[in-house]
C-alpha atoms as a PDB file:
ATOM      1  CA  MET A   1       0.000   0.000   0.000  1.00  0.00           C
ATOM      2  CA  LEU A   2       2.539   2.563  -1.185  1.00  0.00           C
ATOM      3  CA  LEU A   3      -0.065   5.349  -1.453  1.00  0.00           C
ATOM      4  CA  LYS A   4      -2.205   4.486   1.569  1.00  0.00           C
ATOM      5  CA  ASP A   5      -4.684   7.313   2.288  1.00  0.00           C
ATOM      6  CA  LYS A   6      -2.853   9.821   0.078  1.00  0.00           C
ATOM      7  CA  VAL A   7      -5.333  12.211  -1.541  1.00  0.00           C
ATOM      8  CA  LEU A   8      -4.448  12.423  -5.227  1.00  0.00           C
ATOM      9  CA  ILE A   9      -5.931  14.353  -8.119  1.00  0.00           C
ATOM     10  CA  LEU A  10      -5.524  12.523 -11.427  1.00  0.00           C
ATOM     11  CA  THR A  11      -6.397  14.379 -14.620  1.00  0.00           C
ATOM     12  CA  GLY A  12      -7.197  12.445 -17.762  1.00  0.00           C
ATOM     13  CA  GLY A  13      -7.866   9.378 -15.666  1.00  0.00           C
ATOM     14  CA  SER A  14     -10.681   7.904 -17.714  1.00  0.00           C
ATOM     15  CA  SER A  15      -8.713   6.151 -20.461  1.00  0.00           C
ATOM     16  CA  GLY A  16      -5.279   5.027 -21.605  1.00  0.00           C
ATOM     17  CA  ILE A  17      -2.377   5.575 -19.218  1.00  0.00           C
ATOM     18  CA  GLY A  18      -4.627   7.555 -16.880  1.00  0.00           C
ATOM     19  CA  TYR A  19      -7.053   4.662 -16.569  1.00  0.00           C
ATOM     20  CA  GLU A  20      -4.210   2.312 -15.639  1.00  0.00           C
ATOM     21  CA  CYS A  21      -2.928   4.857 -13.127  1.00  0.00           C
ATOM     22  CA  ALA A  22      -6.370   5.154 -11.544  1.00  0.00           C
ATOM     23  CA  LYS A  23      -6.478   1.395 -11.000  1.00  0.00           C
ATOM     24  CA  ALA A  24      -2.928   1.267  -9.679  1.00  0.00           C
ATOM     25  CA  TYR A  25      -3.390   4.203  -7.308  1.00  0.00           C
ATOM     26  CA  ALA A  26      -6.602   2.755  -5.918  1.00  0.00           C
ATOM     27  CA  LYS A  27      -4.915  -0.628  -5.433  1.00  0.00           C
ATOM     28  CA  GLU A  28      -2.104   1.069  -3.509  1.00  0.00           C
ATOM     29  CA  GLY A  29      -4.572   2.707  -1.127  1.00  0.00           C
ATOM     30  CA  ALA A  30      -4.897   6.243  -2.476  1.00  0.00           C
ATOM     31  CA  LEU A  31      -8.012   8.379  -2.197  1.00  0.00           C
ATOM     32  CA  LEU A  32      -8.635   9.510  -5.761  1.00  0.00           C
ATOM     33  CA  VAL A  33     -10.219  12.491  -7.431  1.00  0.00           C
ATOM     34  CA  ILE A  34     -10.355  11.656 -11.133  1.00  0.00           C
ATOM     35  CA  ALA A  35     -10.954  14.558 -13.506  1.00  0.00           C
ATOM     36  CA  SER A  36     -11.733  14.094 -17.185  1.00  0.00           C
ATOM     37  CA  ASN A  37     -13.884  15.641 -19.899  1.00  0.00           C
ATOM     38  CA  HIS A  38     -15.430  12.271 -20.795  1.00  0.00           C
ATOM     39  CA  GLU A  39     -18.069  11.578 -18.153  1.00  0.00           C
ATOM     40  CA  PRO A  40     -19.236   8.128 -19.387  1.00  0.00           C
ATOM     41  CA  ASP A  41     -15.677   6.768 -19.119  1.00  0.00           C
ATOM     42  CA  LEU A  42     -15.274   8.427 -15.726  1.00  0.00           C
ATOM     43  CA  LYS A  43     -18.292   6.535 -14.451  1.00  0.00           C
ATOM     44  CA  LYS A  44     -16.888   3.256 -15.782  1.00  0.00           C
ATOM     45  CA  VAL A  45     -13.590   3.816 -13.995  1.00  0.00           C
ATOM     46  CA  LEU A  46     -15.335   4.684 -10.736  1.00  0.00           C
ATOM     47  CA  ALA A  47     -17.492   1.571 -10.954  1.00  0.00           C
ATOM     48  CA  GLU A  48     -14.359  -0.526 -11.410  1.00  0.00           C
ATOM     49  CA  ILE A  49     -12.241   0.929  -8.600  1.00  0.00           C
ATOM     50  CA  GLY A  50     -15.126   1.479  -6.154  1.00  0.00           C
ATOM     51  CA  ASN A  51     -17.084   4.599  -5.364  1.00  0.00           C
ATOM     52  CA  HIS A  52     -16.872   4.361  -1.583  1.00  0.00           C
ATOM     53  CA  ARG A  53     -13.404   5.995  -1.410  1.00  0.00           C
ATOM     54  CA  HIS A  54     -13.030   7.892  -4.660  1.00  0.00           C
ATOM     55  CA  ILE A  55     -14.811  10.670  -6.535  1.00  0.00           C
ATOM     56  CA  ILE A  56     -14.999  11.759 -10.166  1.00  0.00           C
ATOM     57  CA  ILE A  57     -15.366  15.304 -11.466  1.00  0.00           C
ATOM     58  CA  PRO A  58     -16.074  16.138 -15.119  1.00  0.00           C
ATOM     59  CA  CYS A  59     -13.536  18.771 -16.121  1.00  0.00           C
ATOM     60  CA  ASP A  60     -11.942  20.375 -19.151  1.00  0.00           C
ATOM     61  CA  VAL A  61      -8.406  20.913 -17.867  1.00  0.00           C
ATOM     62  CA  SER A  62      -7.846  23.842 -20.228  1.00  0.00           C
ATOM     63  CA  ILE A  63     -10.595  25.902 -18.565  1.00  0.00           C
ATOM     64  CA  GLU A  64      -9.458  27.766 -15.459  1.00  0.00           C
ATOM     65  CA  GLU A  65     -12.733  27.804 -13.538  1.00  0.00           C
ATOM     66  CA  GLU A  66     -13.229  24.075 -14.015  1.00  0.00           C
ATOM     67  CA  VAL A  67      -9.743  23.260 -12.724  1.00  0.00           C
ATOM     68  CA  LYS A  68     -10.252  25.581  -9.767  1.00  0.00           C
ATOM     69  CA  ASP A  69     -13.513  23.770  -9.037  1.00  0.00           C
ATOM     70  CA  VAL A  70     -11.734  20.387  -8.981  1.00  0.00           C
ATOM     71  CA  ILE A  71      -9.195  21.638  -6.433  1.00  0.00           C
ATOM     72  CA  GLU A  72     -11.861  23.223  -4.239  1.00  0.00           C
ATOM     73  CA  LYS A  73     -14.086  20.135  -4.290  1.00  0.00           C
ATOM     74  CA  THR A  74     -11.129  17.928  -3.432  1.00  0.00           C
ATOM     75  CA  ILE A  75     -10.228  20.013  -0.388  1.00  0.00           C
ATOM     76  CA  LYS A  76     -13.870  20.187   0.699  1.00  0.00           C
ATOM     77  CA  HIS A  77     -14.362  16.424   0.360  1.00  0.00           C
ATOM     78  CA  TYR A  78     -11.090  15.141   1.829  1.00  0.00           C
ATOM     79  CA  GLY A  79      -9.757  18.117   3.780  1.00  0.00           C
ATOM     80  CA  ARG A  80      -6.336  18.019   2.152  1.00  0.00           C
ATOM     81  CA  LEU A  81      -4.357  17.284  -1.017  1.00  0.00           C
ATOM     82  CA  ASP A  82      -1.207  15.143  -1.163  1.00  0.00           C
ATOM     83  CA  GLY A  83      -0.477  14.950  -4.859  1.00  0.00           C
ATOM     84  CA  ILE A  84      -1.465  15.952  -8.377  1.00  0.00           C
ATOM     85  CA  HIS A  85      -0.837  13.801 -11.431  1.00  0.00           C
ATOM     86  CA  ASN A  86      -1.148  15.981 -14.527  1.00  0.00           C
ATOM     87  CA  ASN A  87      -1.848  13.238 -17.021  1.00  0.00           C
ATOM     88  CA  ALA A  88      -4.507  14.753 -19.298  1.00  0.00           C
ATOM     89  CA  GLY A  89      -3.290  15.322 -22.823  1.00  0.00           C
ATOM     90  CA  ILE A  90      -4.099  15.136 -26.515  1.00  0.00           C
ATOM     91  CA  VAL A  91      -1.905  14.053 -29.434  1.00  0.00           C
ATOM     92  CA  THR A  92      -3.666  15.382 -32.519  1.00  0.00           C
ATOM     93  CA  PRO A  93      -3.048  16.577 -35.138  1.00  0.00           C
ATOM     94  CA  SER A  94      -0.639  14.255 -36.913  1.00  0.00           C
ATOM     95  CA  ALA A  95       0.874  17.017 -39.024  1.00  0.00           C
ATOM     96  CA  MET A  96       3.950  19.067 -39.749  1.00  0.00           C
ATOM     97  CA  LEU A  97       4.064  22.458 -38.080  1.00  0.00           C
ATOM     98  CA  HIS A  98       2.976  24.519 -41.099  1.00  0.00           C
ATOM     99  CA  GLU A  99       0.012  22.195 -41.588  1.00  0.00           C
ATOM    100  CA  THR A 100      -1.155  22.664 -37.991  1.00  0.00           C
ATOM    101  CA  THR A 101      -4.016  25.123 -37.665  1.00  0.00           C
ATOM    102  CA  THR A 102      -4.024  27.901 -35.092  1.00  0.00           C
ATOM    103  CA  GLU A 103      -6.977  26.224 -33.385  1.00  0.00           C
ATOM    104  CA  GLU A 104      -5.127  22.890 -33.191  1.00  0.00           C
ATOM    105  CA  TRP A 105      -1.989  24.575 -31.849  1.00  0.00           C
ATOM    106  CA  ASN A 106      -3.909  26.421 -29.146  1.00  0.00           C
ATOM    107  CA  LYS A 107      -5.854  23.314 -28.117  1.00  0.00           C
ATOM    108  CA  LEU A 108      -2.640  21.310 -27.722  1.00  0.00           C
ATOM    109  CA  MET A 109      -0.927  24.021 -25.703  1.00  0.00           C
ATOM    110  CA  ASN A 110      -3.953  24.640 -23.495  1.00  0.00           C
ATOM    111  CA  THR A 111      -4.659  20.970 -22.809  1.00  0.00           C
ATOM    112  CA  ASN A 112      -1.116  19.670 -22.410  1.00  0.00           C
ATOM    113  CA  LEU A 113       0.705  22.659 -20.879  1.00  0.00           C
ATOM    114  CA  LYS A 114      -1.707  25.282 -19.573  1.00  0.00           C
ATOM    115  CA  SER A 115      -3.477  22.605 -17.543  1.00  0.00           C
ATOM    116  CA  ILE A 116      -0.321  22.066 -15.460  1.00  0.00           C
ATOM    117  CA  TYR A 117      -0.133  25.792 -14.781  1.00  0.00           C
ATOM    118  CA  LEU A 118      -3.757  25.764 -13.625  1.00  0.00           C
ATOM    119  CA  THR A 119      -3.560  22.757 -11.296  1.00  0.00           C
ATOM    120  CA  THR A 120      -0.384  24.176  -9.767  1.00  0.00           C
ATOM    121  CA  LYS A 121      -1.858  27.655  -9.383  1.00  0.00           C
ATOM    122  CA  TYR A 122      -4.858  26.405  -7.445  1.00  0.00           C
ATOM    123  CA  GLY A 123      -3.320  23.373  -5.744  1.00  0.00           C
ATOM    124  CA  LEU A 124      -0.033  24.791  -4.482  1.00  0.00           C
ATOM    125  CA  SER A 125      -1.181  26.051  -1.099  1.00  0.00           C
ATOM    126  CA  ALA A 126      -2.675  22.657  -0.221  1.00  0.00           C
ATOM    127  CA  LEU A 127       0.487  20.877  -1.375  1.00  0.00           C
ATOM    128  CA  GLN A 128       2.589  23.200   0.777  1.00  0.00           C
ATOM    129  CA  LYS A 129       0.655  22.065   3.824  1.00  0.00           C
ATOM    130  CA  SER A 130       1.038  18.371   3.007  1.00  0.00           C
ATOM    131  CA  LYS A 131       4.572  18.623   1.553  1.00  0.00           C
ATOM    132  CA  GLY A 132       3.080  16.757  -1.338  1.00  0.00           C
ATOM    133  CA  SER A 133       4.201  16.037  -4.868  1.00  0.00           C
ATOM    134  CA  ILE A 134       3.378  16.761  -8.485  1.00  0.00           C
ATOM    135  CA  LEU A 135       3.749  14.262 -11.301  1.00  0.00           C
ATOM    136  CA  ASN A 136       3.507  15.187 -14.972  1.00  0.00           C
ATOM    137  CA  THR A 137       3.028  12.856 -17.919  1.00  0.00           C
ATOM    138  CA  SER A 138       5.555  13.917 -20.511  1.00  0.00           C
ATOM    139  CA  SER A 139       6.880  11.787 -23.377  1.00  0.00           C
ATOM    140  CA  LEU A 140      10.103  10.610 -24.918  1.00  0.00           C
ATOM    141  CA  VAL A 141       9.245  12.729 -27.972  1.00  0.00           C
ATOM    142  CA  GLY A 142       9.854  15.782 -25.802  1.00  0.00           C
ATOM    143  CA  ASP A 143      13.540  14.845 -26.016  1.00  0.00           C
ATOM    144  CA  ILE A 144      13.910  13.261 -29.441  1.00  0.00           C
ATOM    145  CA  GLY A 145      11.038  14.778 -31.448  1.00  0.00           C
ATOM    146  CA  GLN A 146       8.555  12.937 -33.632  1.00  0.00           C
ATOM    147  CA  GLU A 147       7.846  13.104 -37.328  1.00  0.00           C
ATOM    148  CA  ASN A 148       4.504  14.725 -38.215  1.00  0.00           C
ATOM    149  CA  HIS A 149       3.802  15.681 -34.581  1.00  0.00           C
ATOM    150  CA  ALA A 150       5.709  18.935 -34.181  1.00  0.00           C
ATOM    151  CA  ALA A 151       3.179  20.754 -32.008  1.00  0.00           C
ATOM    152  CA  TYR A 152       2.596  17.728 -29.785  1.00  0.00           C
ATOM    153  CA  SER A 153       6.350  17.234 -29.373  1.00  0.00           C
ATOM    154  CA  ALA A 154       6.662  20.894 -28.427  1.00  0.00           C
ATOM    155  CA  THR A 155       4.161  20.478 -25.602  1.00  0.00           C
ATOM    156  CA  LYS A 156       5.968  17.426 -24.252  1.00  0.00           C
ATOM    157  CA  GLY A 157       9.353  19.127 -24.434  1.00  0.00           C
ATOM    158  CA  GLY A 158       7.750  22.003 -22.558  1.00  0.00           C
ATOM    159  CA  ILE A 159       6.411  19.646 -19.902  1.00  0.00           C
ATOM    160  CA  SER A 160       9.846  18.116 -19.332  1.00  0.00           C
ATOM    161  CA  THR A 161      11.603  21.452 -18.865  1.00  0.00           C
ATOM    162  CA  LEU A 162       8.668  22.814 -16.868  1.00  0.00           C
ATOM    163  CA  THR A 163       8.990  19.832 -14.533  1.00  0.00           C
ATOM    164  CA  LYS A 164      12.637  20.669 -13.807  1.00  0.00           C
ATOM    165  CA  SER A 165      11.911  24.365 -13.233  1.00  0.00           C
ATOM    166  CA  MET A 166       8.993  23.564 -10.949  1.00  0.00           C
ATOM    167  CA  ALA A 167      11.180  21.140  -8.997  1.00  0.00           C
ATOM    168  CA  LEU A 168      13.666  23.920  -8.344  1.00  0.00           C
ATOM    169  CA  ASP A 169      10.995  26.464  -7.456  1.00  0.00           C
ATOM    170  CA  TYR A 170       9.044  24.269  -5.069  1.00  0.00           C
ATOM    171  CA  ALA A 171      11.856  22.371  -3.377  1.00  0.00           C
ATOM    172  CA  LYS A 172      11.888  25.026  -0.655  1.00  0.00           C
ATOM    173  CA  TYR A 173       8.353  23.906   0.213  1.00  0.00           C
ATOM    174  CA  HIS A 174       9.439  20.230   0.212  1.00  0.00           C
ATOM    175  CA  ILE A 175       7.183  19.630  -2.786  1.00  0.00           C
ATOM    176  CA  ARG A 176       8.643  17.129  -5.232  1.00  0.00           C
ATOM    177  CA  VAL A 177       7.976  17.507  -8.975  1.00  0.00           C
ATOM    178  CA  ASN A 178       8.738  14.709 -11.434  1.00  0.00           C
ATOM    179  CA  ALA A 179       7.638  13.425 -14.816  1.00  0.00           C
ATOM    180  CA  VAL A 180       7.311  10.105 -16.607  1.00  0.00           C
ATOM    181  CA  CYS A 181       8.347   9.892 -20.245  1.00  0.00           C
ATOM    182  CA  PRO A 182       6.768   6.941 -22.072  1.00  0.00           C
ATOM    183  CA  ALA A 183       7.576   6.014 -25.654  1.00  0.00           C
ATOM    184  CA  TRP A 184       4.904   3.977 -27.434  1.00  0.00           C
ATOM    185  CA  VAL A 185       2.203   2.458 -25.248  1.00  0.00           C
ATOM    186  CA  TRP A 186      -0.916   0.550 -26.315  1.00  0.00           C
ATOM    187  CA  THR A 187      -3.714   2.994 -25.571  1.00  0.00           C
ATOM    188  CA  PRO A 188      -7.022   3.811 -27.303  1.00  0.00           C
ATOM    189  CA  ALA A 189      -5.392   6.979 -28.685  1.00  0.00           C
ATOM    190  CA  VAL A 190      -2.548   5.005 -30.274  1.00  0.00           C
ATOM    191  CA  GLU A 191      -4.926   2.411 -31.680  1.00  0.00           C
ATOM    192  CA  ASP A 192      -7.065   5.203 -33.141  1.00  0.00           C
ATOM    193  CA  TRP A 193      -3.955   6.759 -34.692  1.00  0.00           C
ATOM    194  CA  ILE A 194      -2.953   3.433 -36.246  1.00  0.00           C
ATOM    195  CA  SER A 195      -6.416   3.124 -37.789  1.00  0.00           C
ATOM    196  CA  GLN A 196      -5.812   6.384 -39.653  1.00  0.00           C
ATOM    197  CA  GLN A 197      -2.530   5.278 -41.228  1.00  0.00           C
ATOM    198  CA  PRO A 198      -2.315   4.126 -44.882  1.00  0.00           C
ATOM    199  CA  ASP A 199      -0.683   0.797 -43.959  1.00  0.00           C
ATOM    200  CA  GLN A 200      -2.153  -0.154 -40.586  1.00  0.00           C
ATOM    201  CA  GLU A 201      -0.500  -3.571 -40.416  1.00  0.00           C
ATOM    202  CA  LYS A 202       2.967  -2.174 -41.091  1.00  0.00           C
ATOM    203  CA  THR A 203       2.466   0.645 -38.589  1.00  0.00           C
ATOM    204  CA  SER A 204       1.293  -1.758 -35.886  1.00  0.00           C
ATOM    205  CA  GLU A 205       4.256  -4.053 -36.470  1.00  0.00           C
ATOM    206  CA  TYR A 206       6.635  -1.088 -36.315  1.00  0.00           C
ATOM    207  CA  ILE A 207       5.309  -0.052 -32.908  1.00  0.00           C
ATOM    208  CA  LYS A 208       5.571  -3.621 -31.614  1.00  0.00           C
ATOM    209  CA  THR A 209       9.241  -4.016 -32.529  1.00  0.00           C
ATOM    210  CA  ILE A 210      11.056  -0.678 -32.123  1.00  0.00           C
ATOM    211  CA  HIS A 211      11.655  -0.769 -28.367  1.00  0.00           C
ATOM    212  CA  PRO A 212      14.998  -2.347 -27.413  1.00  0.00           C
ATOM    213  CA  LEU A 213      13.261  -4.594 -24.868  1.00  0.00           C
ATOM    214  CA  GLY A 214      11.345  -6.071 -27.769  1.00  0.00           C
ATOM    215  CA  TYR A 215       7.675  -5.265 -27.209  1.00  0.00           C
ATOM    216  CA  CYS A 216       5.221  -2.402 -26.861  1.00  0.00           C
ATOM    217  CA  PRO A 217       3.726  -2.332 -23.361  1.00  0.00           C
ATOM    218  CA  GLU A 218       0.287  -1.693 -21.953  1.00  0.00           C
ATOM    219  CA  GLY A 219      -0.263   1.344 -19.760  1.00  0.00           C
ATOM    220  CA  ASP A 220       0.255  -0.611 -16.536  1.00  0.00           C
ATOM    221  CA  VAL A 221       4.050  -0.345 -16.850  1.00  0.00           C
ATOM    222  CA  ILE A 222       3.733   3.430 -16.827  1.00  0.00           C
ATOM    223  CA  ALA A 223       1.329   3.289 -13.882  1.00  0.00           C
ATOM    224  CA  ASP A 224       3.809   1.269 -11.823  1.00  0.00           C
ATOM    225  CA  ALA A 225       6.469   3.936 -12.334  1.00  0.00           C
ATOM    226  CA  CYS A 226       3.961   6.630 -11.416  1.00  0.00           C
ATOM    227  CA  VAL A 227       3.075   4.851  -8.176  1.00  0.00           C
ATOM    228  CA  PHE A 228       6.753   4.843  -7.239  1.00  0.00           C
ATOM    229  CA  LEU A 229       7.307   8.530  -8.023  1.00  0.00           C
ATOM    230  CA  LEU A 230       4.270   9.595  -5.974  1.00  0.00           C
ATOM    231  CA  SER A 231       5.200   7.371  -3.036  1.00  0.00           C
ATOM    232  CA  GLU A 232       7.568   7.868  -0.123  1.00  0.00           C
ATOM    233  CA  LYS A 233       9.929   5.423  -1.837  1.00  0.00           C
ATOM    234  CA  ALA A 234      10.831   8.369  -4.105  1.00  0.00           C
ATOM    235  CA  ARG A 235      11.045  10.880  -1.245  1.00  0.00           C
ATOM    236  CA  PHE A 236      14.471  12.174  -2.323  1.00  0.00           C
ATOM    237  CA  ILE A 237      13.739  12.303  -6.058  1.00  0.00           C
ATOM    238  CA  THR A 238      12.708  15.569  -7.682  1.00  0.00           C
ATOM    239  CA  GLY A 239      13.207  17.121 -11.097  1.00  0.00           C
ATOM    240  CA  CYS A 240      13.421  13.662 -12.663  1.00  0.00           C
ATOM    241  CA  THR A 241      12.026  13.075 -16.148  1.00  0.00           C
ATOM    242  CA  LEU A 242      11.968   9.296 -16.021  1.00  0.00           C
ATOM    243  CA  PRO A 243      11.994   7.348 -19.310  1.00  0.00           C
ATOM    244  CA  VAL A 244       9.626   4.389 -19.104  1.00  0.00           C
ATOM    245  CA  SER A 245      10.292   3.301 -22.628  1.00  0.00           C
ATOM    246  CA  GLY A 246      11.953  -0.095 -22.822  1.00  0.00           C
ATOM    247  CA  GLY A 247      15.250   1.576 -23.655  1.00  0.00           C
ATOM    248  CA  ALA A 248      13.863   3.635 -26.541  1.00  0.00           C
ATOM    249  CA  GLU A 249      15.718   6.716 -25.285  1.00  0.00           C
ATOM    250  CA  LEU A 250      18.894   4.873 -26.317  1.00  0.00           C
ATOM    251  CA  GLY A 251      17.620   4.649 -29.901  1.00  0.00           C
ATOM    252  CA  TYR A 252      14.734   2.883 -31.557  1.00  0.00           C
ATOM    253  CA  ARG A 253      15.463  -0.653 -32.678  1.00  0.00           C
ATOM    254  CA  ARG A 254      14.915  -1.073 -36.431  1.00  0.00           C
END
């Protein structure tokens, strides 16, 4: 029970990596507030992990008042806040920079980056009291880039450097700030992306074989790393952008 009775806010916890994190955090004893803009999936997650300890709050993480509401409801319900996992994010469009529309650019920046600013802005005072921690979901592409995903890569690179700056800023409050950096992971978003590719079979096979460890994982491997970083086992770790990528940061296997 590495997270026993820790009050955690998890954004984007209704599918993909966030869904696996929700299950892992609940299993490790956390008290969860799961925020997502997809209410039907939120209800499914809550039914699976149990509604007697956890709550769900529909929220668009790019909208300031909605994020503020999540923080306030968390404090009102549990009386404190021990950690925030900023996991919500989008990956579209699959396009070069000049092909990305202004609307698409702004949506990526607001969902992937601005959301971290908002949860920190409204959650900091509670985290100061608990000497809590912040965890951000970044990506390996924030370090190495990704073809046809320039704007998305920019947000993830921003998250990684933001994580380090936040770690320095908030260390004086004994608040730890870290990030996980997955490579490819089997999620609904990835499967949807594959379905849009001209050669789906070739694309799927590519994703299965490029990691040096020889396979593409499910989201549970990311969740396990997240549990560790939010737990007291990682009490002297801050500013870490942890690759959870089967060695992909060393170079994709061809």
